[in-house]
PDB file of N, CA and C in Angstrom:
ATOM      1  N   UNK A   1      95.475  70.548  97.979  1.00  0.00           N
ATOM      2  CA  UNK A   1      94.262  71.138  97.540  1.00  0.00           C
ATOM      3  C   UNK A   1      93.228  70.861  98.538  1.00  0.00           C
ATOM      4  N   UNK A   2      92.740  71.970  98.677  1.00  0.00           N
ATOM      5  CA  UNK A   2      91.418  71.973  99.449  1.00  0.00           C
ATOM      6  C   UNK A   2      90.204  72.388  98.723  1.00  0.00           C
ATOM      7  N   UNK A   3      89.189  71.960  99.447  1.00  0.00           N
ATOM      8  CA  UNK A   3      87.756  72.025  98.966  1.00  0.00           C
ATOM      9  C   UNK A   3      86.971  72.188 100.024  1.00  0.00           C
ATOM     10  N   UNK A   4      85.711  73.117  99.394  1.00  0.00           N
ATOM     11  CA  UNK A   4      84.718  73.490 100.610  1.00  0.00           C
ATOM     12  C   UNK A   4      83.495  73.058  99.647  1.00  0.00           C
ATOM     13  N   UNK A   5      82.531  72.515 100.238  1.00  0.00           N
ATOM     14  CA  UNK A   5      81.419  71.539  99.733  1.00  0.00           C
ATOM     15  C   UNK A   5      80.197  73.087  99.495  1.00  0.00           C
ATOM     16  N   UNK A   6      80.016  73.763  98.597  1.00  0.00           N
ATOM     17  CA  UNK A   6      78.902  74.622  99.021  1.00  0.00           C
ATOM     18  C   UNK A   6      77.899  74.242  98.151  1.00  0.00           C
ATOM     19  N   UNK A   7      76.583  75.329  98.551  1.00  0.00           N
ATOM     20  CA  UNK A   7      75.251  75.142  97.511  1.00  0.00           C
ATOM     21  C   UNK A   7      75.533  74.633  95.902  1.00  0.00           C
ATOM     22  N   UNK A   8      76.514  75.146  95.411  1.00  0.00           N
ATOM     23  CA  UNK A   8      76.667  75.002  93.994  1.00  0.00           C
ATOM     24  C   UNK A   8      77.488  73.690  93.723  1.00  0.00           C
ATOM     25  N   UNK A   9      78.202  73.579  94.447  1.00  0.00           N
ATOM     26  CA  UNK A   9      79.038  72.004  94.406  1.00  0.00           C
ATOM     27  C   UNK A   9      80.376  72.507  94.912  1.00  0.00           C
ATOM     28  N   UNK A  10      81.080  71.323  94.667  1.00  0.00           N
ATOM     29  CA  UNK A  10      82.662  71.553  95.423  1.00  0.00           C
ATOM     30  C   UNK A  10      83.361  72.526  94.655  1.00  0.00           C
ATOM     31  N   UNK A  11      83.998  73.569  95.760  1.00  0.00           N
ATOM     32  CA  UNK A  11      84.694  74.447  95.166  1.00  0.00           C
ATOM     33  C   UNK A  11      86.577  73.883  95.461  1.00  0.00           C
ATOM     34  N   UNK A  12      87.120  74.279  94.478  1.00  0.00           N
ATOM     35  CA  UNK A  12      88.610  73.873  95.162  1.00  0.00           C
ATOM     36  C   UNK A  12      89.595  75.061  95.130  1.00  0.00           C
ATOM     37  N   UNK A  13      90.531  74.738  96.116  1.00  0.00           N
ATOM     38  CA  UNK A  13      91.953  75.866  95.716  1.00  0.00           C
ATOM     39  C   UNK A  13      92.909  74.868  95.837  1.00  0.00           C
ATOM     40  N   UNK A  14      93.908  74.915  94.628  1.00  0.00           N
ATOM     41  CA  UNK A  14      94.633  73.673  94.361  1.00  0.00           C
ATOM     42  C   UNK A  14      96.059  74.480  93.753  1.00  0.00           C
ATOM     43  N   UNK A  15      97.048  74.061  93.990  1.00  0.00           N
ATOM     44  CA  UNK A  15      98.362  74.969  93.737  1.00  0.00           C
ATOM     45  C   UNK A  15      98.456  74.411  92.013  1.00  0.00           C
ATOM     46  N   UNK A  16      99.236  75.746  91.508  1.00  0.00           N
ATOM     47  CA  UNK A  16      98.878  75.253  90.381  1.00  0.00           C
ATOM     48  C   UNK A  16     100.464  75.012  89.488  1.00  0.00           C
ATOM     49  N   UNK A  17     100.895  75.123  88.463  1.00  0.00           N
ATOM     50  CA  UNK A  17     102.500  74.531  87.890  1.00  0.00           C
ATOM     51  C   UNK A  17     103.059  75.837  88.270  1.00  0.00           C
ATOM     52  N   UNK A  18     102.724  76.775  88.083  1.00  0.00           N
ATOM     53  CA  UNK A  18     103.635  78.038  88.477  1.00  0.00           C
ATOM     54  C   UNK A  18     103.672  78.236  89.636  1.00  0.00           C
ATOM     55  N   UNK A  19     103.355  77.327  90.561  1.00  0.00           N
ATOM     56  CA  UNK A  19     103.467  77.620  91.846  1.00  0.00           C
ATOM     57  C   UNK A  19     102.693  78.701  92.879  1.00  0.00           C
ATOM     58  N   UNK A  20     101.575  79.235  91.935  1.00  0.00           N
ATOM     59  CA  UNK A  20     100.085  79.938  92.323  1.00  0.00           C
ATOM     60  C   UNK A  20      99.206  79.009  92.915  1.00  0.00           C
ATOM     61  N   UNK A  21      98.352  79.529  93.407  1.00  0.00           N
ATOM     62  CA  UNK A  21      96.936  78.796  94.300  1.00  0.00           C
ATOM     63  C   UNK A  21      96.058  79.339  93.145  1.00  0.00           C
ATOM     64  N   UNK A  22      95.100  78.561  93.022  1.00  0.00           N
ATOM     65  CA  UNK A  22      93.951  78.800  91.886  1.00  0.00           C
ATOM     66  C   UNK A  22      92.604  77.903  92.533  1.00  0.00           C
ATOM     67  N   UNK A  23      91.427  78.984  92.158  1.00  0.00           N
ATOM     68  CA  UNK A  23      90.346  78.743  92.971  1.00  0.00           C
ATOM     69  C   UNK A  23      89.945  77.745  91.441  1.00  0.00           C
ATOM     70  N   UNK A  24      89.109  76.788  91.819  1.00  0.00           N
ATOM     71  CA  UNK A  24      88.526  76.183  90.853  1.00  0.00           C
ATOM     72  C   UNK A  24      87.459  75.615  91.386  1.00  0.00           C
ATOM     73  N   UNK A  25      86.017  75.736  90.300  1.00  0.00           N
ATOM     74  CA  UNK A  25      84.803  75.331  90.064  1.00  0.00           C
ATOM     75  C   UNK A  25      84.530  74.545  88.711  1.00  0.00           C
ATOM     76  N   UNK A  26      84.080  73.415  88.746  1.00  0.00           N
ATOM     77  CA  UNK A  26      83.497  73.031  87.652  1.00  0.00           C
ATOM     78  C   UNK A  26      84.520  72.640  86.524  1.00  0.00           C
ATOM     79  N   UNK A  27      85.358  72.351  86.941  1.00  0.00           N
ATOM     80  CA  UNK A  27      86.848  72.115  85.813  1.00  0.00           C
ATOM     81  C   UNK A  27      87.605  73.270  85.415  1.00  0.00           C
ATOM     82  N   UNK A  28      87.069  74.750  85.842  1.00  0.00           N
ATOM     83  CA  UNK A  28      87.715  76.003  85.421  1.00  0.00           C
ATOM     84  C   UNK A  28      88.509  76.346  86.804  1.00  0.00           C
ATOM     85  N   UNK A  29      89.781  76.661  86.460  1.00  0.00           N
ATOM     86  CA  UNK A  29      90.417  77.857  87.079  1.00  0.00           C
ATOM     87  C   UNK A  29      90.094  79.383  87.269  1.00  0.00           C
ATOM     88  N   UNK A  30      89.176  79.726  88.045  1.00  0.00           N
ATOM     89  CA  UNK A  30      88.753  81.239  87.437  1.00  0.00           C
ATOM     90  C   UNK A  30      89.651  82.266  87.876  1.00  0.00           C
ATOM     91  N   UNK A  31      90.605  81.944  88.982  1.00  0.00           N
ATOM     92  CA  UNK A  31      91.696  82.969  89.478  1.00  0.00           C
ATOM     93  C   UNK A  31      92.640  82.103  89.811  1.00  0.00           C
ATOM     94  N   UNK A  32      93.959  83.097  90.151  1.00  0.00           N
ATOM     95  CA  UNK A  32      94.622  82.503  91.069  1.00  0.00           C
ATOM     96  C   UNK A  32      95.468  83.437  91.750  1.00  0.00           C
ATOM     97  N   UNK A  33      96.346  83.221  92.725  1.00  0.00           N
ATOM     98  CA  UNK A  33      97.030  84.253  93.709  1.00  0.00           C
ATOM     99  C   UNK A  33      98.612  83.494  94.105  1.00  0.00           C
ATOM    100  N   UNK A  34      98.996  84.030  94.866  1.00  0.00           N
ATOM    101  CA  UNK A  34     100.740  83.903  95.367  1.00  0.00           C
ATOM    102  C   UNK A  34     100.092  82.830  96.625  1.00  0.00           C
ATOM    103  N   UNK A  35      98.703  82.710  97.275  1.00  0.00           N
ATOM    104  CA  UNK A  35      98.630  82.039  98.722  1.00  0.00           C
ATOM    105  C   UNK A  35      96.911  81.252  98.466  1.00  0.00           C
ATOM    106  N   UNK A  36      97.170  80.314  99.250  1.00  0.00           N
ATOM    107  CA  UNK A  36      96.075  79.803  99.347  1.00  0.00           C
ATOM    108  C   UNK A  36      94.934  80.660 100.156  1.00  0.00           C
ATOM    109  N   UNK A  37      95.382  81.384 101.293  1.00  0.00           N
ATOM    110  CA  UNK A  37      94.611  82.173 102.146  1.00  0.00           C
ATOM    111  C   UNK A  37      93.983  83.133 101.445  1.00  0.00           C
ATOM    112  N   UNK A  38      94.983  83.818 100.234  1.00  0.00           N
ATOM    113  CA  UNK A  38      94.270  84.949  99.479  1.00  0.00           C
ATOM    114  C   UNK A  38      92.999  84.246  98.733  1.00  0.00           C
ATOM    115  N   UNK A  39      92.826  83.389  98.111  1.00  0.00           N
ATOM    116  CA  UNK A  39      92.063  82.097  97.318  1.00  0.00           C
ATOM    117  C   UNK A  39      90.824  82.158  98.355  1.00  0.00           C
ATOM    118  N   UNK A  40      90.894  81.556  99.722  1.00  0.00           N
ATOM    119  CA  UNK A  40      89.997  81.506 100.534  1.00  0.00           C
ATOM    120  C   UNK A  40      89.405  82.420 100.698  1.00  0.00           C
ATOM    121  N   UNK A  41      90.026  83.575 101.185  1.00  0.00           N
ATOM    122  CA  UNK A  41      89.110  84.990 101.156  1.00  0.00           C
ATOM    123  C   UNK A  41      88.351  85.492 100.144  1.00  0.00           C
ATOM    124  N   UNK A  42      88.950  85.398  98.991  1.00  0.00           N
ATOM    125  CA  UNK A  42      87.892  85.602  97.767  1.00  0.00           C
ATOM    126  C   UNK A  42      87.060  84.926  97.711  1.00  0.00           C
ATOM    127  N   UNK A  43      86.946  83.624  97.939  1.00  0.00           N
ATOM    128  CA  UNK A  43      85.851  83.032  98.101  1.00  0.00           C
ATOM    129  C   UNK A  43      85.010  83.812  98.806  1.00  0.00           C
ATOM    130  N   UNK A  44      85.589  83.659 100.337  1.00  0.00           N
ATOM    131  CA  UNK A  44      84.643  84.055 101.541  1.00  0.00           C
ATOM    132  C   UNK A  44      84.073  85.656 100.947  1.00  0.00           C
ATOM    133  N   UNK A  45      84.782  86.333 100.763  1.00  0.00           N
ATOM    134  CA  UNK A  45      83.991  87.335  99.638  1.00  0.00           C
ATOM    135  C   UNK A  45      83.611  87.233  98.700  1.00  0.00           C
ATOM    136  N   UNK A  46      83.324  86.895  98.083  1.00  0.00           N
ATOM    137  CA  UNK A  46      82.464  86.193  96.518  1.00  0.00           C
ATOM    138  C   UNK A  46      83.012  87.059  95.849  1.00  0.00           C
ATOM    139  N   UNK A  47      84.314  87.390  95.491  1.00  0.00           N
ATOM    140  CA  UNK A  47      84.992  87.959  94.338  1.00  0.00           C
ATOM    141  C   UNK A  47      86.205  87.329  93.676  1.00  0.00           C
ATOM    142  N   UNK A  48      85.534  86.347  93.156  1.00  0.00           N
ATOM    143  CA  UNK A  48      86.706  85.237  92.331  1.00  0.00           C
ATOM    144  C   UNK A  48      86.405  85.086  90.849  1.00  0.00           C
ATOM    145  N   UNK A  49      85.606  86.005  90.445  1.00  0.00           N
ATOM    146  CA  UNK A  49      85.315  85.843  88.747  1.00  0.00           C
ATOM    147  C   UNK A  49      84.297  84.782  88.313  1.00  0.00           C
ATOM    148  N   UNK A  50      83.806  84.079  88.900  1.00  0.00           N
ATOM    149  CA  UNK A  50      83.170  82.847  88.743  1.00  0.00           C
ATOM    150  C   UNK A  50      81.453  83.383  89.117  1.00  0.00           C
ATOM    151  N   UNK A  51      80.917  83.776  87.953  1.00  0.00           N
ATOM    152  CA  UNK A  51      79.428  84.249  88.164  1.00  0.00           C
ATOM    153  C   UNK A  51      78.794  83.270  89.231  1.00  0.00           C
ATOM    154  N   UNK A  52      78.672  82.210  88.929  1.00  0.00           N
ATOM    155  CA  UNK A  52      77.912  81.000  89.600  1.00  0.00           C
ATOM    156  C   UNK A  52      78.030  81.285  91.194  1.00  0.00           C
ATOM    157  N   UNK A  53      79.000  81.512  91.513  1.00  0.00           N
ATOM    158  CA  UNK A  53      79.379  81.601  93.013  1.00  0.00           C
ATOM    159  C   UNK A  53      79.358  83.102  93.264  1.00  0.00           C
ATOM    160  N   UNK A  54      80.078  83.954  92.878  1.00  0.00           N
ATOM    161  CA  UNK A  54      79.980  85.133  92.891  1.00  0.00           C
ATOM    162  C   UNK A  54      78.512  85.869  93.317  1.00  0.00           C
ATOM    163  N   UNK A  55      77.381  85.438  92.653  1.00  0.00           N
ATOM    164  CA  UNK A  55      76.089  86.042  92.615  1.00  0.00           C
ATOM    165  C   UNK A  55      75.106  85.591  93.633  1.00  0.00           C
ATOM    166  N   UNK A  56      75.900  84.539  94.304  1.00  0.00           N
ATOM    167  CA  UNK A  56      75.411  84.265  95.811  1.00  0.00           C
ATOM    168  C   UNK A  56      75.743  84.990  97.201  1.00  0.00           C
ATOM    169  N   UNK A  57      76.471  86.456  96.971  1.00  0.00           N
ATOM    170  CA  UNK A  57      77.086  86.951  98.193  1.00  0.00           C
ATOM    171  C   UNK A  57      75.842  87.315  98.882  1.00  0.00           C
ATOM    172  N   UNK A  58      76.051  87.260 100.099  1.00  0.00           N
ATOM    173  CA  UNK A  58      75.295  87.710 101.047  1.00  0.00           C
ATOM    174  C   UNK A  58      73.830  86.341 101.131  1.00  0.00           C
ATOM    175  N   UNK A  59      73.983  85.398 100.505  1.00  0.00           N
ATOM    176  CA  UNK A  59      73.000  84.420 100.572  1.00  0.00           C
ATOM    177  C   UNK A  59      73.425  83.018 100.919  1.00  0.00           C
ATOM    178  N   UNK A  60      74.661  82.964 101.382  1.00  0.00           N
ATOM    179  CA  UNK A  60      75.040  81.605 101.919  1.00  0.00           C
ATOM    180  C   UNK A  60      75.930  81.812 103.243  1.00  0.00           C
ATOM    181  N   UNK A  61      75.454  81.121 104.374  1.00  0.00           N
ATOM    182  CA  UNK A  61      75.693  81.191 105.718  1.00  0.00           C
ATOM    183  C   UNK A  61      77.135  80.071 105.623  1.00  0.00           C
ATOM    184  N   UNK A  62      77.832  80.086 106.651  1.00  0.00           N
ATOM    185  CA  UNK A  62      78.711  78.922 106.787  1.00  0.00           C
ATOM    186  C   UNK A  62      80.044  79.126 105.814  1.00  0.00           C
ATOM    187  N   UNK A  63      80.232  79.782 105.043  1.00  0.00           N
ATOM    188  CA  UNK A  63      81.459  79.902 104.151  1.00  0.00           C
ATOM    189  C   UNK A  63      82.941  80.362 104.713  1.00  0.00           C
ATOM    190  N   UNK A  64      83.951  79.227 104.821  1.00  0.00           N
ATOM    191  CA  UNK A  64      84.901  79.298 105.646  1.00  0.00           C
ATOM    192  C   UNK A  64      85.531  81.190 105.401  1.00  0.00           C
ATOM    193  N   UNK A  65      86.071  81.743 106.532  1.00  0.00           N
ATOM    194  CA  UNK A  65      86.912  83.072 106.024  1.00  0.00           C
ATOM    195  C   UNK A  65      88.191  82.727 105.656  1.00  0.00           C
ATOM    196  N   UNK A  66      88.315  81.673 106.176  1.00  0.00           N
ATOM    197  CA  UNK A  66      90.391  81.227 106.117  1.00  0.00           C
ATOM    198  C   UNK A  66      90.272  80.014 105.349  1.00  0.00           C
ATOM    199  N   UNK A  67      91.664  79.661 104.991  1.00  0.00           N
ATOM    200  CA  UNK A  67      91.870  78.184 104.449  1.00  0.00           C
ATOM    201  C   UNK A  67      91.871  77.291 105.494  1.00  0.00           C
ATOM    202  N   UNK A  68      91.836  77.445 106.794  1.00  0.00           N
ATOM    203  CA  UNK A  68      91.538  76.689 107.713  1.00  0.00           C
ATOM    204  C   UNK A  68      90.433  75.718 108.025  1.00  0.00           C
ATOM    205  N   UNK A  69      89.256  76.747 107.390  1.00  0.00           N
ATOM    206  CA  UNK A  69      87.652  76.161 107.667  1.00  0.00           C
ATOM    207  C   UNK A  69      87.522  74.978 106.397  1.00  0.00           C
ATOM    208  N   UNK A  70      88.925  75.301 105.066  1.00  0.00           N
ATOM    209  CA  UNK A  70      88.209  74.406 104.131  1.00  0.00           C
ATOM    210  C   UNK A  70      88.499  72.520 104.350  1.00  0.00           C
ATOM    211  N   UNK A  71      88.056  71.493 103.579  1.00  0.00           N
ATOM    212  CA  UNK A  71      88.948  70.458 104.040  1.00  0.00           C
ATOM    213  C   UNK A  71      90.126  70.321 103.314  1.00  0.00           C
ATOM    214  N   UNK A  72      91.214  69.574 103.836  1.00  0.00           N
ATOM    215  CA  UNK A  72      92.561  69.470 103.258  1.00  0.00           C
ATOM    216  C   UNK A  72      92.640  68.422 102.735  1.00  0.00           C
ATOM    217  N   UNK A  73      92.656  67.862 101.347  1.00  0.00           N
ATOM    218  CA  UNK A  73      92.797  66.942 100.531  1.00  0.00           C
ATOM    219  C   UNK A  73      94.177  66.237 100.613  1.00  0.00           C
ATOM    220  N   UNK A  74      94.197  64.666 100.625  1.00  0.00           N
ATOM    221  CA  UNK A  74      95.799  64.673  99.992  1.00  0.00           C
ATOM    222  C   UNK A  74      96.294  64.243  99.110  1.00  0.00           C
TER     223      UNK A  74
END
């Protein structure tokens, strides 16, 4: 699991039971894809389906553009 401490709160990317990776905010998994890298890119591009995050496109500096910029949780 990875976390990004965003202006709206913690955003997570985590492995789901079906083997895909999901973007989670406020207890809801908003989307999933085959890799954490794709999810990190979707967060960076503000195309997650989560209105609270996506509406901030162009307004947030320092959003990691790869999964390597997210904090890896154990």
